[in-house]
Amino acid sequence: MQPELVDTGGLRRNIEALLFVASEALSIKKIAQLCGADEIAVTKAVAEIEAEYAERGIVVRKIAGGYRFSTAPSSREVVEAYLLPPKTTLSPAALESLAIVAYNEHLEGMPTTKAEIEAIRGVSADSVVQTLLERGFIAESGRKEVPGRPILYKTTPEFLEAFGLLSLDDLPKVDIGSQPLELSLPIRKEEATAP
């Protein structure tokens, strides 16, 4: 362990710097590796930073299996005013397709092809898949080993973050019975906007 990290202040400074520059959520394990510190010490330091920033304009959020700095929810309006033009929301078709990819990945443990999305929705999914790829909510994850080798799609950490989920386990539970299935994602209006 580096001598300057033995003192908690040095470790906290390094963690704050990492959380500030990281473009994705960082796990405790990753932070510990980067800082050359023990995971227990990192966990304690992250909790201290989280408590220290709790009432500020910047907060520490646990999201997508890790931690990152984020703007405080109470500052949402002023941040959105700065980041104009306003972000567009996802269409119902895009939300349906995204739900199909997410639930298939969660319940079946496998990515989804565009043809599978189209089979469930009953309409072409070309434009919605492209929209979801552009927004970073889904990504290609290989090809299915069937004739034609169609592209497989899976959700991304950006999807988890945009919808406030730690993992796909946080998706609402669905009861698949004999009735037609309607999925309703628990998103507030501000969470439905694209990043």
N, C-alpha and C. Protein backbone atom coordinates (compact mmCIF):
# COMPACT_ATOMS: atom_id res chain seq x y z
N MET A 1 0.85 -1.18 0.00
CA MET A 1 0.00 0.00 0.00
C MET A 1 0.89 1.23 0.00
N GLN A 2 0.50 2.26 -0.76
CA GLN A 2 1.28 3.48 -0.82
C GLN A 2 1.19 4.22 0.50
N PRO A 3 2.34 4.75 1.00
CA PRO A 3 2.33 5.39 2.31
C PRO A 3 1.33 6.53 2.43
N GLU A 4 1.16 7.34 1.36
CA GLU A 4 0.24 8.48 1.46
C GLU A 4 -1.22 8.06 1.56
N LEU A 5 -1.51 6.77 1.30
CA LEU A 5 -2.89 6.30 1.38
C LEU A 5 -3.23 5.68 2.73
N VAL A 6 -2.25 5.55 3.59
CA VAL A 6 -2.52 4.98 4.90
C VAL A 6 -3.47 5.90 5.66
N ASP A 7 -3.28 7.20 5.52
CA ASP A 7 -4.17 8.12 6.19
C ASP A 7 -5.46 8.23 5.37
N THR A 8 -6.60 8.19 6.06
CA THR A 8 -7.89 8.17 5.41
C THR A 8 -8.12 9.39 4.53
N GLY A 9 -7.57 10.53 4.92
CA GLY A 9 -7.74 11.75 4.13
C GLY A 9 -7.18 11.57 2.73
N GLY A 10 -6.00 10.98 2.61
CA GLY A 10 -5.40 10.75 1.30
C GLY A 10 -6.23 9.78 0.47
N LEU A 11 -6.73 8.75 1.07
CA LEU A 11 -7.56 7.78 0.37
C LEU A 11 -8.86 8.45 -0.08
N ARG A 12 -9.46 9.23 0.79
CA ARG A 12 -10.70 9.93 0.43
C ARG A 12 -10.47 10.89 -0.73
N ARG A 13 -9.37 11.63 -0.70
CA ARG A 13 -9.06 12.55 -1.80
C ARG A 13 -8.96 11.79 -3.12
N ASN A 14 -8.25 10.66 -3.09
CA ASN A 14 -8.09 9.87 -4.32
C ASN A 14 -9.42 9.30 -4.80
N ILE A 15 -10.25 8.85 -3.88
CA ILE A 15 -11.56 8.31 -4.26
C ILE A 15 -12.42 9.42 -4.85
N GLU A 16 -12.42 10.60 -4.21
CA GLU A 16 -13.19 11.73 -4.74
C GLU A 16 -12.74 12.06 -6.16
N ALA A 17 -11.43 12.07 -6.38
CA ALA A 17 -10.90 12.38 -7.71
C ALA A 17 -11.36 11.33 -8.72
N LEU A 18 -11.32 10.05 -8.35
CA LEU A 18 -11.77 8.99 -9.25
C LEU A 18 -13.26 9.12 -9.57
N LEU A 19 -14.08 9.36 -8.54
CA LEU A 19 -15.51 9.50 -8.76
C LEU A 19 -15.83 10.71 -9.63
N PHE A 20 -14.99 11.72 -9.54
CA PHE A 20 -15.19 12.94 -10.33
C PHE A 20 -14.88 12.71 -11.81
N VAL A 21 -13.80 11.99 -12.11
CA VAL A 21 -13.40 11.82 -13.51
C VAL A 21 -14.00 10.59 -14.18
N ALA A 22 -14.54 9.66 -13.41
CA ALA A 22 -15.06 8.42 -13.99
C ALA A 22 -16.27 8.69 -14.86
N SER A 23 -16.29 8.06 -16.03
CA SER A 23 -17.44 8.21 -16.92
C SER A 23 -18.50 7.15 -16.65
N GLU A 24 -18.19 6.19 -15.78
CA GLU A 24 -19.15 5.16 -15.40
C GLU A 24 -19.03 4.92 -13.90
N ALA A 25 -20.01 4.22 -13.36
CA ALA A 25 -19.98 3.90 -11.93
C ALA A 25 -18.80 2.97 -11.64
N LEU A 26 -18.09 3.22 -10.55
CA LEU A 26 -16.93 2.41 -10.16
C LEU A 26 -17.29 1.54 -8.95
N SER A 27 -16.99 0.27 -9.05
CA SER A 27 -17.25 -0.65 -7.93
C SER A 27 -16.21 -0.44 -6.84
N ILE A 28 -16.51 -0.90 -5.64
CA ILE A 28 -15.57 -0.85 -4.52
C ILE A 28 -14.28 -1.58 -4.91
N LYS A 29 -14.43 -2.73 -5.53
CA LYS A 29 -13.27 -3.52 -5.94
C LYS A 29 -12.37 -2.74 -6.90
N LYS A 30 -12.98 -2.07 -7.89
CA LYS A 30 -12.22 -1.29 -8.88
C LYS A 30 -11.53 -0.11 -8.20
N ILE A 31 -12.23 0.57 -7.32
CA ILE A 31 -11.64 1.71 -6.61
C ILE A 31 -10.46 1.23 -5.77
N ALA A 32 -10.63 0.10 -5.08
CA ALA A 32 -9.56 -0.45 -4.25
C ALA A 32 -8.33 -0.78 -5.10
N GLN A 33 -8.56 -1.38 -6.28
CA GLN A 33 -7.45 -1.70 -7.18
C GLN A 33 -6.73 -0.44 -7.63
N LEU A 34 -7.51 0.57 -8.04
CA LEU A 34 -6.91 1.81 -8.53
C LEU A 34 -6.14 2.56 -7.45
N CYS A 35 -6.66 2.51 -6.22
CA CYS A 35 -6.02 3.24 -5.12
C CYS A 35 -4.97 2.40 -4.40
N GLY A 36 -4.91 1.11 -4.70
CA GLY A 36 -3.98 0.25 -3.98
C GLY A 36 -4.33 0.14 -2.52
N ALA A 37 -5.62 0.10 -2.25
CA ALA A 37 -6.10 0.08 -0.86
C ALA A 37 -6.97 -1.15 -0.61
N ASP A 38 -7.23 -1.40 0.64
CA ASP A 38 -8.08 -2.50 1.08
C ASP A 38 -9.55 -2.15 0.80
N GLU A 39 -10.35 -3.14 0.37
CA GLU A 39 -11.76 -2.89 0.06
C GLU A 39 -12.55 -2.39 1.27
N ILE A 40 -12.20 -2.85 2.46
CA ILE A 40 -12.89 -2.39 3.67
C ILE A 40 -12.63 -0.91 3.90
N ALA A 41 -11.37 -0.49 3.73
CA ALA A 41 -11.03 0.93 3.89
C ALA A 41 -11.72 1.77 2.82
N VAL A 42 -11.80 1.25 1.60
CA VAL A 42 -12.47 1.98 0.51
C VAL A 42 -13.95 2.10 0.80
N THR A 43 -14.58 1.03 1.28
CA THR A 43 -16.00 1.05 1.62
C THR A 43 -16.27 2.11 2.68
N LYS A 44 -15.42 2.16 3.70
CA LYS A 44 -15.57 3.15 4.76
C LYS A 44 -15.39 4.56 4.21
N ALA A 45 -14.38 4.76 3.39
CA ALA A 45 -14.12 6.09 2.83
C ALA A 45 -15.26 6.55 1.92
N VAL A 46 -15.80 5.62 1.10
CA VAL A 46 -16.91 5.98 0.22
C VAL A 46 -18.13 6.37 1.06
N ALA A 47 -18.39 5.64 2.13
CA ALA A 47 -19.52 5.98 3.01
C ALA A 47 -19.34 7.36 3.63
N GLU A 48 -18.10 7.70 4.02
CA GLU A 48 -17.82 9.02 4.59
C GLU A 48 -18.04 10.11 3.55
N ILE A 49 -17.57 9.87 2.32
CA ILE A 49 -17.75 10.85 1.24
C ILE A 49 -19.24 11.01 0.93
N GLU A 50 -19.93 9.88 0.90
CA GLU A 50 -21.37 9.91 0.63
C GLU A 50 -22.10 10.75 1.68
N ALA A 51 -21.76 10.57 2.95
CA ALA A 51 -22.39 11.34 4.03
C ALA A 51 -22.02 12.81 3.94
N GLU A 52 -20.76 13.09 3.63
CA GLU A 52 -20.30 14.48 3.55
C GLU A 52 -21.00 15.24 2.42
N TYR A 53 -21.26 14.57 1.31
CA TYR A 53 -21.86 15.23 0.15
C TYR A 53 -23.39 15.13 0.12
N ALA A 54 -24.00 14.50 1.09
CA ALA A 54 -25.44 14.21 1.06
C ALA A 54 -26.31 15.44 0.86
N GLU A 55 -25.93 16.57 1.40
CA GLU A 55 -26.76 17.78 1.32
C GLU A 55 -26.20 18.82 0.35
N ARG A 56 -25.32 18.41 -0.54
CA ARG A 56 -24.73 19.34 -1.50
C ARG A 56 -25.38 19.21 -2.87
N GLY A 57 -24.92 20.04 -3.79
CA GLY A 57 -25.42 20.00 -5.16
C GLY A 57 -24.89 18.79 -5.92
N ILE A 58 -23.78 18.24 -5.44
CA ILE A 58 -23.19 17.02 -6.01
C ILE A 58 -23.30 15.96 -4.91
N VAL A 59 -23.78 14.79 -5.29
CA VAL A 59 -23.93 13.69 -4.33
C VAL A 59 -23.27 12.44 -4.89
N VAL A 60 -23.00 11.49 -4.01
CA VAL A 60 -22.49 10.20 -4.44
C VAL A 60 -23.69 9.27 -4.60
N ARG A 61 -23.81 8.66 -5.78
CA ARG A 61 -24.92 7.74 -6.03
C ARG A 61 -24.40 6.34 -6.22
N LYS A 62 -25.09 5.38 -5.64
CA LYS A 62 -24.79 3.98 -5.91
C LYS A 62 -25.73 3.57 -7.03
N ILE A 63 -25.13 3.25 -8.16
CA ILE A 63 -25.92 2.96 -9.35
C ILE A 63 -25.16 1.98 -10.23
N ALA A 64 -25.87 1.12 -10.91
CA ALA A 64 -25.28 0.17 -11.88
C ALA A 64 -24.11 -0.60 -11.28
N GLY A 65 -24.24 -1.00 -10.02
CA GLY A 65 -23.22 -1.83 -9.38
C GLY A 65 -21.99 -1.09 -8.90
N GLY A 66 -22.04 0.23 -8.86
CA GLY A 66 -20.89 0.99 -8.40
C GLY A 66 -21.29 2.37 -7.90
N TYR A 67 -20.29 3.24 -7.77
CA TYR A 67 -20.51 4.59 -7.25
C TYR A 67 -20.02 5.61 -8.25
N ARG A 68 -20.67 6.79 -8.23
CA ARG A 68 -20.20 7.91 -9.03
C ARG A 68 -20.81 9.19 -8.49
N PHE A 69 -20.15 10.29 -8.81
CA PHE A 69 -20.73 11.59 -8.46
C PHE A 69 -21.86 11.89 -9.42
N SER A 70 -22.87 12.55 -8.92
CA SER A 70 -24.03 12.91 -9.71
C SER A 70 -24.59 14.21 -9.15
N THR A 71 -25.37 14.91 -9.94
CA THR A 71 -26.01 16.09 -9.41
C THR A 71 -27.14 15.67 -8.47
N ALA A 72 -27.38 16.48 -7.49
CA ALA A 72 -28.42 16.18 -6.50
C ALA A 72 -29.80 16.26 -7.17
N PRO A 73 -30.69 15.33 -6.85
CA PRO A 73 -32.04 15.38 -7.42
C PRO A 73 -32.74 16.72 -7.15
N SER A 74 -32.46 17.34 -6.02
CA SER A 74 -33.09 18.62 -5.69
C SER A 74 -32.61 19.75 -6.60
N SER A 75 -31.52 19.55 -7.32
CA SER A 75 -30.99 20.56 -8.24
C SER A 75 -31.36 20.28 -9.69
N ARG A 76 -32.24 19.36 -9.90
CA ARG A 76 -32.58 18.90 -11.24
C ARG A 76 -33.01 20.03 -12.18
N GLU A 77 -33.91 20.90 -11.71
CA GLU A 77 -34.45 21.95 -12.59
C GLU A 77 -33.36 22.90 -13.07
N VAL A 78 -32.49 23.32 -12.19
CA VAL A 78 -31.46 24.27 -12.59
C VAL A 78 -30.44 23.61 -13.53
N VAL A 79 -30.14 22.35 -13.29
CA VAL A 79 -29.20 21.63 -14.17
C VAL A 79 -29.83 21.44 -15.55
N GLU A 80 -31.10 21.07 -15.60
CA GLU A 80 -31.78 20.91 -16.88
C GLU A 80 -31.86 22.23 -17.63
N ALA A 81 -32.07 23.34 -16.91
CA ALA A 81 -32.11 24.65 -17.55
C ALA A 81 -30.77 24.96 -18.22
N TYR A 82 -29.69 24.58 -17.58
CA TYR A 82 -28.36 24.80 -18.15
C TYR A 82 -28.10 23.89 -19.35
N LEU A 83 -28.58 22.68 -19.28
CA LEU A 83 -28.30 21.68 -20.32
C LEU A 83 -29.28 21.72 -21.49
N LEU A 84 -30.01 22.83 -21.65
CA LEU A 84 -30.92 22.93 -22.78
C LEU A 84 -30.15 22.76 -24.08
N PRO A 85 -30.72 22.25 -25.13
CA PRO A 85 -32.14 22.03 -25.31
C PRO A 85 -32.63 20.85 -24.49
N PRO A 86 -33.91 20.87 -24.15
CA PRO A 86 -34.44 19.78 -23.33
C PRO A 86 -34.30 18.44 -24.03
N LYS A 87 -34.11 17.44 -23.23
CA LYS A 87 -33.95 16.09 -23.76
C LYS A 87 -35.31 15.54 -24.17
N THR A 88 -35.31 14.77 -25.22
CA THR A 88 -36.56 14.18 -25.68
C THR A 88 -36.82 12.88 -24.93
N THR A 89 -38.06 12.56 -24.80
CA THR A 89 -38.43 11.32 -24.11
C THR A 89 -38.43 10.17 -25.11
N LEU A 90 -38.40 8.98 -24.60
CA LEU A 90 -38.50 7.80 -25.45
C LEU A 90 -39.96 7.57 -25.82
N SER A 91 -40.17 7.14 -27.04
CA SER A 91 -41.53 6.84 -27.50
C SER A 91 -42.04 5.58 -26.80
N PRO A 92 -43.35 5.38 -26.77
CA PRO A 92 -43.87 4.14 -26.21
C PRO A 92 -43.28 2.90 -26.90
N ALA A 93 -43.09 2.98 -28.21
CA ALA A 93 -42.50 1.84 -28.94
C ALA A 93 -41.08 1.56 -28.47
N ALA A 94 -40.30 2.62 -28.24
CA ALA A 94 -38.93 2.44 -27.75
C ALA A 94 -38.93 1.88 -26.34
N LEU A 95 -39.84 2.37 -25.49
CA LEU A 95 -39.93 1.84 -24.12
C LEU A 95 -40.34 0.38 -24.12
N GLU A 96 -41.29 0.01 -24.99
CA GLU A 96 -41.70 -1.40 -25.09
C GLU A 96 -40.53 -2.27 -25.51
N SER A 97 -39.80 -1.83 -26.52
CA SER A 97 -38.66 -2.61 -27.02
C SER A 97 -37.58 -2.72 -25.97
N LEU A 98 -37.33 -1.63 -25.26
CA LEU A 98 -36.34 -1.64 -24.19
C LEU A 98 -36.76 -2.60 -23.07
N ALA A 99 -38.04 -2.61 -22.75
CA ALA A 99 -38.54 -3.54 -21.73
C ALA A 99 -38.36 -4.99 -22.18
N ILE A 100 -38.58 -5.26 -23.45
CA ILE A 100 -38.41 -6.62 -23.98
C ILE A 100 -36.96 -7.06 -23.81
N VAL A 101 -36.03 -6.19 -24.20
CA VAL A 101 -34.60 -6.53 -24.07
C VAL A 101 -34.24 -6.74 -22.60
N ALA A 102 -34.67 -5.83 -21.73
CA ALA A 102 -34.31 -5.89 -20.31
C ALA A 102 -34.89 -7.14 -19.64
N TYR A 103 -36.19 -7.40 -19.87
CA TYR A 103 -36.81 -8.54 -19.21
C TYR A 103 -36.31 -9.86 -19.77
N ASN A 104 -36.05 -9.92 -21.08
CA ASN A 104 -35.51 -11.14 -21.66
C ASN A 104 -34.14 -11.43 -21.06
N GLU A 105 -33.34 -10.39 -20.93
CA GLU A 105 -32.00 -10.54 -20.33
C GLU A 105 -32.11 -10.96 -18.87
N HIS A 106 -33.05 -10.37 -18.15
CA HIS A 106 -33.20 -10.66 -16.72
C HIS A 106 -33.83 -12.03 -16.48
N LEU A 107 -34.95 -12.31 -17.13
CA LEU A 107 -35.69 -13.54 -16.85
C LEU A 107 -35.12 -14.76 -17.56
N GLU A 108 -34.64 -14.58 -18.78
CA GLU A 108 -34.12 -15.70 -19.55
C GLU A 108 -32.60 -15.79 -19.50
N GLY A 109 -31.96 -14.74 -19.02
CA GLY A 109 -30.51 -14.73 -18.92
C GLY A 109 -29.80 -14.65 -20.25
N MET A 110 -30.49 -14.11 -21.25
CA MET A 110 -29.85 -14.03 -22.56
C MET A 110 -30.24 -12.74 -23.29
N PRO A 111 -29.35 -12.29 -24.17
CA PRO A 111 -29.67 -11.11 -24.97
C PRO A 111 -30.77 -11.42 -25.99
N THR A 112 -31.24 -10.38 -26.69
CA THR A 112 -32.39 -10.48 -27.58
C THR A 112 -32.02 -10.05 -29.00
N THR A 113 -32.62 -10.68 -29.99
CA THR A 113 -32.43 -10.25 -31.37
C THR A 113 -33.54 -9.28 -31.76
N LYS A 114 -33.31 -8.53 -32.83
CA LYS A 114 -34.33 -7.62 -33.34
C LYS A 114 -35.56 -8.40 -33.78
N ALA A 115 -35.36 -9.57 -34.38
CA ALA A 115 -36.49 -10.41 -34.81
C ALA A 115 -37.35 -10.84 -33.61
N GLU A 116 -36.72 -11.10 -32.47
CA GLU A 116 -37.48 -11.48 -31.27
C GLU A 116 -38.30 -10.29 -30.75
N ILE A 117 -37.72 -9.10 -30.82
CA ILE A 117 -38.47 -7.90 -30.43
C ILE A 117 -39.67 -7.73 -31.35
N GLU A 118 -39.43 -7.89 -32.66
CA GLU A 118 -40.51 -7.74 -33.65
C GLU A 118 -41.59 -8.80 -33.46
N ALA A 119 -41.20 -10.02 -33.10
CA ALA A 119 -42.18 -11.09 -32.89
C ALA A 119 -43.09 -10.77 -31.71
N ILE A 120 -42.54 -10.19 -30.68
CA ILE A 120 -43.34 -9.85 -29.49
C ILE A 120 -44.21 -8.62 -29.76
N ARG A 121 -43.62 -7.60 -30.38
CA ARG A 121 -44.36 -6.35 -30.63
C ARG A 121 -45.29 -6.45 -31.84
N GLY A 122 -44.97 -7.32 -32.80
CA GLY A 122 -45.81 -7.47 -33.97
C GLY A 122 -45.57 -6.42 -35.05
N VAL A 123 -44.54 -5.61 -34.91
CA VAL A 123 -44.21 -4.59 -35.92
C VAL A 123 -42.70 -4.51 -36.06
N SER A 124 -42.24 -3.84 -37.09
CA SER A 124 -40.82 -3.66 -37.33
C SER A 124 -40.18 -2.90 -36.17
N ALA A 125 -38.96 -3.29 -35.83
CA ALA A 125 -38.26 -2.65 -34.72
C ALA A 125 -36.99 -1.94 -35.18
N ASP A 126 -36.83 -1.75 -36.49
CA ASP A 126 -35.61 -1.14 -37.02
C ASP A 126 -35.31 0.22 -36.37
N SER A 127 -36.28 1.14 -36.42
CA SER A 127 -36.01 2.49 -35.93
C SER A 127 -35.87 2.54 -34.41
N VAL A 128 -36.67 1.76 -33.68
CA VAL A 128 -36.56 1.82 -32.22
C VAL A 128 -35.25 1.20 -31.74
N VAL A 129 -34.80 0.14 -32.38
CA VAL A 129 -33.51 -0.46 -32.01
C VAL A 129 -32.40 0.55 -32.27
N GLN A 130 -32.48 1.23 -33.41
CA GLN A 130 -31.47 2.25 -33.73
C GLN A 130 -31.49 3.38 -32.70
N THR A 131 -32.67 3.82 -32.31
CA THR A 131 -32.80 4.87 -31.30
C THR A 131 -32.19 4.42 -29.98
N LEU A 132 -32.49 3.20 -29.55
CA LEU A 132 -31.97 2.68 -28.28
C LEU A 132 -30.45 2.53 -28.33
N LEU A 133 -29.92 2.15 -29.48
CA LEU A 133 -28.46 2.06 -29.65
C LEU A 133 -27.84 3.46 -29.57
N GLU A 134 -28.43 4.42 -30.24
CA GLU A 134 -27.92 5.80 -30.23
C GLU A 134 -27.95 6.42 -28.84
N ARG A 135 -28.98 6.11 -28.08
CA ARG A 135 -29.08 6.65 -26.72
C ARG A 135 -28.19 5.90 -25.74
N GLY A 136 -27.64 4.77 -26.17
CA GLY A 136 -26.75 4.00 -25.30
C GLY A 136 -27.48 3.12 -24.30
N PHE A 137 -28.78 2.89 -24.49
CA PHE A 137 -29.53 2.05 -23.56
C PHE A 137 -29.36 0.56 -23.85
N ILE A 138 -29.04 0.22 -25.11
CA ILE A 138 -28.73 -1.16 -25.47
C ILE A 138 -27.43 -1.16 -26.26
N ALA A 139 -26.80 -2.33 -26.34
CA ALA A 139 -25.56 -2.48 -27.10
C ALA A 139 -25.54 -3.87 -27.73
N GLU A 140 -24.79 -4.00 -28.81
CA GLU A 140 -24.62 -5.30 -29.43
C GLU A 140 -23.82 -6.19 -28.49
N SER A 141 -24.20 -7.47 -28.41
CA SER A 141 -23.49 -8.38 -27.51
C SER A 141 -23.11 -9.69 -28.21
N GLY A 142 -22.92 -9.63 -29.52
CA GLY A 142 -22.54 -10.81 -30.26
C GLY A 142 -23.59 -11.18 -31.28
N ARG A 143 -23.49 -12.42 -31.74
CA ARG A 143 -24.44 -12.92 -32.74
C ARG A 143 -25.01 -14.25 -32.28
N LYS A 144 -26.27 -14.47 -32.58
CA LYS A 144 -26.95 -15.71 -32.20
C LYS A 144 -26.52 -16.82 -33.16
N GLU A 145 -26.25 -17.98 -32.62
CA GLU A 145 -25.78 -19.12 -33.41
C GLU A 145 -26.94 -19.85 -34.07
N VAL A 146 -27.60 -19.16 -34.99
CA VAL A 146 -28.68 -19.72 -35.80
C VAL A 146 -28.44 -19.24 -37.23
N PRO A 147 -29.12 -19.81 -38.21
CA PRO A 147 -28.93 -19.35 -39.59
C PRO A 147 -29.15 -17.85 -39.71
N GLY A 148 -28.26 -17.20 -40.43
CA GLY A 148 -28.32 -15.75 -40.59
C GLY A 148 -27.55 -15.00 -39.52
N ARG A 149 -27.23 -15.67 -38.42
CA ARG A 149 -26.48 -15.11 -37.29
C ARG A 149 -26.90 -13.67 -36.94
N PRO A 150 -28.16 -13.49 -36.49
CA PRO A 150 -28.62 -12.14 -36.16
C PRO A 150 -27.88 -11.56 -34.95
N ILE A 151 -27.82 -10.23 -34.93
CA ILE A 151 -27.15 -9.51 -33.84
C ILE A 151 -27.98 -9.65 -32.56
N LEU A 152 -27.29 -9.88 -31.44
CA LEU A 152 -27.93 -9.93 -30.12
C LEU A 152 -27.76 -8.58 -29.44
N TYR A 153 -28.78 -8.16 -28.70
CA TYR A 153 -28.74 -6.89 -27.98
C TYR A 153 -28.94 -7.13 -26.50
N LYS A 154 -28.23 -6.33 -25.68
CA LYS A 154 -28.38 -6.38 -24.22
C LYS A 154 -28.44 -4.96 -23.68
N THR A 155 -28.88 -4.82 -22.45
CA THR A 155 -28.93 -3.50 -21.82
C THR A 155 -27.53 -3.06 -21.42
N THR A 156 -27.39 -1.78 -21.13
CA THR A 156 -26.10 -1.19 -20.77
C THR A 156 -26.16 -0.56 -19.39
N PRO A 157 -24.99 -0.24 -18.82
CA PRO A 157 -24.99 0.51 -17.56
C PRO A 157 -25.71 1.86 -17.69
N GLU A 158 -25.69 2.47 -18.87
CA GLU A 158 -26.41 3.73 -19.09
C GLU A 158 -27.91 3.54 -18.91
N PHE A 159 -28.43 2.37 -19.34
CA PHE A 159 -29.84 2.06 -19.13
C PHE A 159 -30.13 2.00 -17.63
N LEU A 160 -29.29 1.25 -16.90
CA LEU A 160 -29.49 1.12 -15.45
C LEU A 160 -29.48 2.48 -14.79
N GLU A 161 -28.52 3.31 -15.16
CA GLU A 161 -28.40 4.63 -14.55
C GLU A 161 -29.58 5.52 -14.90
N ALA A 162 -29.99 5.54 -16.16
CA ALA A 162 -31.09 6.40 -16.58
C ALA A 162 -32.41 6.04 -15.90
N PHE A 163 -32.58 4.75 -15.58
CA PHE A 163 -33.83 4.31 -14.95
C PHE A 163 -33.68 4.09 -13.45
N GLY A 164 -32.52 4.47 -12.89
CA GLY A 164 -32.32 4.39 -11.44
C GLY A 164 -32.25 2.99 -10.90
N LEU A 165 -31.68 2.05 -11.65
CA LEU A 165 -31.61 0.65 -11.23
C LEU A 165 -30.18 0.29 -10.84
N LEU A 166 -30.03 -0.49 -9.77
CA LEU A 166 -28.70 -0.99 -9.42
C LEU A 166 -28.33 -2.14 -10.35
N SER A 167 -29.32 -2.97 -10.69
CA SER A 167 -29.11 -4.10 -11.59
C SER A 167 -30.46 -4.46 -12.18
N LEU A 168 -30.47 -5.42 -13.10
CA LEU A 168 -31.73 -5.86 -13.69
C LEU A 168 -32.63 -6.54 -12.66
N ASP A 169 -32.06 -6.94 -11.53
CA ASP A 169 -32.87 -7.53 -10.45
C ASP A 169 -33.85 -6.51 -9.88
N ASP A 170 -33.60 -5.21 -10.10
CA ASP A 170 -34.48 -4.17 -9.59
C ASP A 170 -35.67 -3.88 -10.51
N LEU A 171 -35.74 -4.57 -11.65
CA LEU A 171 -36.91 -4.40 -12.52
C LEU A 171 -38.16 -4.85 -11.78
N PRO A 172 -39.30 -4.24 -12.06
CA PRO A 172 -40.54 -4.67 -11.41
C PRO A 172 -40.83 -6.13 -11.75
N LYS A 173 -41.35 -6.85 -10.79
CA LYS A 173 -41.70 -8.25 -11.00
C LYS A 173 -42.91 -8.33 -11.93
N VAL A 174 -42.90 -9.33 -12.80
CA VAL A 174 -44.03 -9.54 -13.70
C VAL A 174 -44.61 -10.92 -13.46
N ASP A 175 -45.92 -11.01 -13.55
CA ASP A 175 -46.61 -12.28 -13.41
C ASP A 175 -47.10 -12.67 -14.80
N ILE A 176 -46.44 -13.64 -15.40
CA ILE A 176 -46.80 -14.06 -16.75
C ILE A 176 -47.80 -15.20 -16.63
N GLY A 177 -49.03 -14.85 -16.87
CA GLY A 177 -50.11 -15.84 -16.80
C GLY A 177 -50.77 -15.98 -18.15
N SER A 178 -52.05 -16.31 -18.14
CA SER A 178 -52.78 -16.50 -19.40
C SER A 178 -53.23 -15.18 -20.00
N GLN A 179 -53.19 -14.10 -19.22
CA GLN A 179 -53.61 -12.79 -19.70
C GLN A 179 -52.50 -12.18 -20.56
N PRO A 180 -52.87 -11.31 -21.52
CA PRO A 180 -51.84 -10.58 -22.27
C PRO A 180 -50.98 -9.78 -21.30
N LEU A 181 -49.72 -9.72 -21.58
CA LEU A 181 -48.77 -9.08 -20.68
C LEU A 181 -48.59 -7.62 -21.04
N GLU A 182 -48.79 -6.75 -20.06
CA GLU A 182 -48.50 -5.33 -20.24
C GLU A 182 -47.43 -4.98 -19.23
N LEU A 183 -46.34 -4.42 -19.72
CA LEU A 183 -45.24 -4.04 -18.85
C LEU A 183 -45.29 -2.55 -18.60
N SER A 184 -45.15 -2.19 -17.35
CA SER A 184 -45.12 -0.78 -17.00
C SER A 184 -43.88 -0.54 -16.16
N LEU A 185 -42.90 0.13 -16.75
CA LEU A 185 -41.69 0.43 -16.00
C LEU A 185 -41.96 1.56 -15.03
N PRO A 186 -41.44 1.44 -13.81
CA PRO A 186 -41.70 2.47 -12.79
C PRO A 186 -40.79 3.67 -13.00
N ILE A 187 -41.08 4.48 -13.99
CA ILE A 187 -40.22 5.64 -14.24
C ILE A 187 -41.00 6.92 -14.04
N ARG A 188 -40.37 7.81 -13.33
CA ARG A 188 -40.95 9.13 -13.20
C ARG A 188 -40.67 9.88 -14.48
N LYS A 189 -41.37 10.93 -14.72
CA LYS A 189 -41.23 11.70 -15.95
C LYS A 189 -39.78 12.07 -16.21
N GLU A 190 -39.06 12.53 -15.19
CA GLU A 190 -37.68 12.94 -15.40
C GLU A 190 -36.75 11.78 -15.70
N GLU A 191 -37.10 10.56 -15.28
CA GLU A 191 -36.26 9.40 -15.56
C GLU A 191 -36.48 8.89 -16.97
N ALA A 192 -37.57 9.25 -17.59
CA ALA A 192 -37.86 8.78 -18.93
C ALA A 192 -37.11 9.57 -19.99
N THR A 193 -36.44 10.64 -19.57
CA THR A 193 -35.69 11.43 -20.55
C THR A 193 -34.36 10.77 -20.84
N ALA A 194 -33.92 10.95 -22.04
CA ALA A 194 -32.65 10.35 -22.45
C ALA A 194 -31.51 11.18 -21.90
N PRO A 195 -30.33 10.53 -21.59
CA PRO A 195 -29.19 11.30 -21.09
C PRO A 195 -28.57 12.12 -22.18
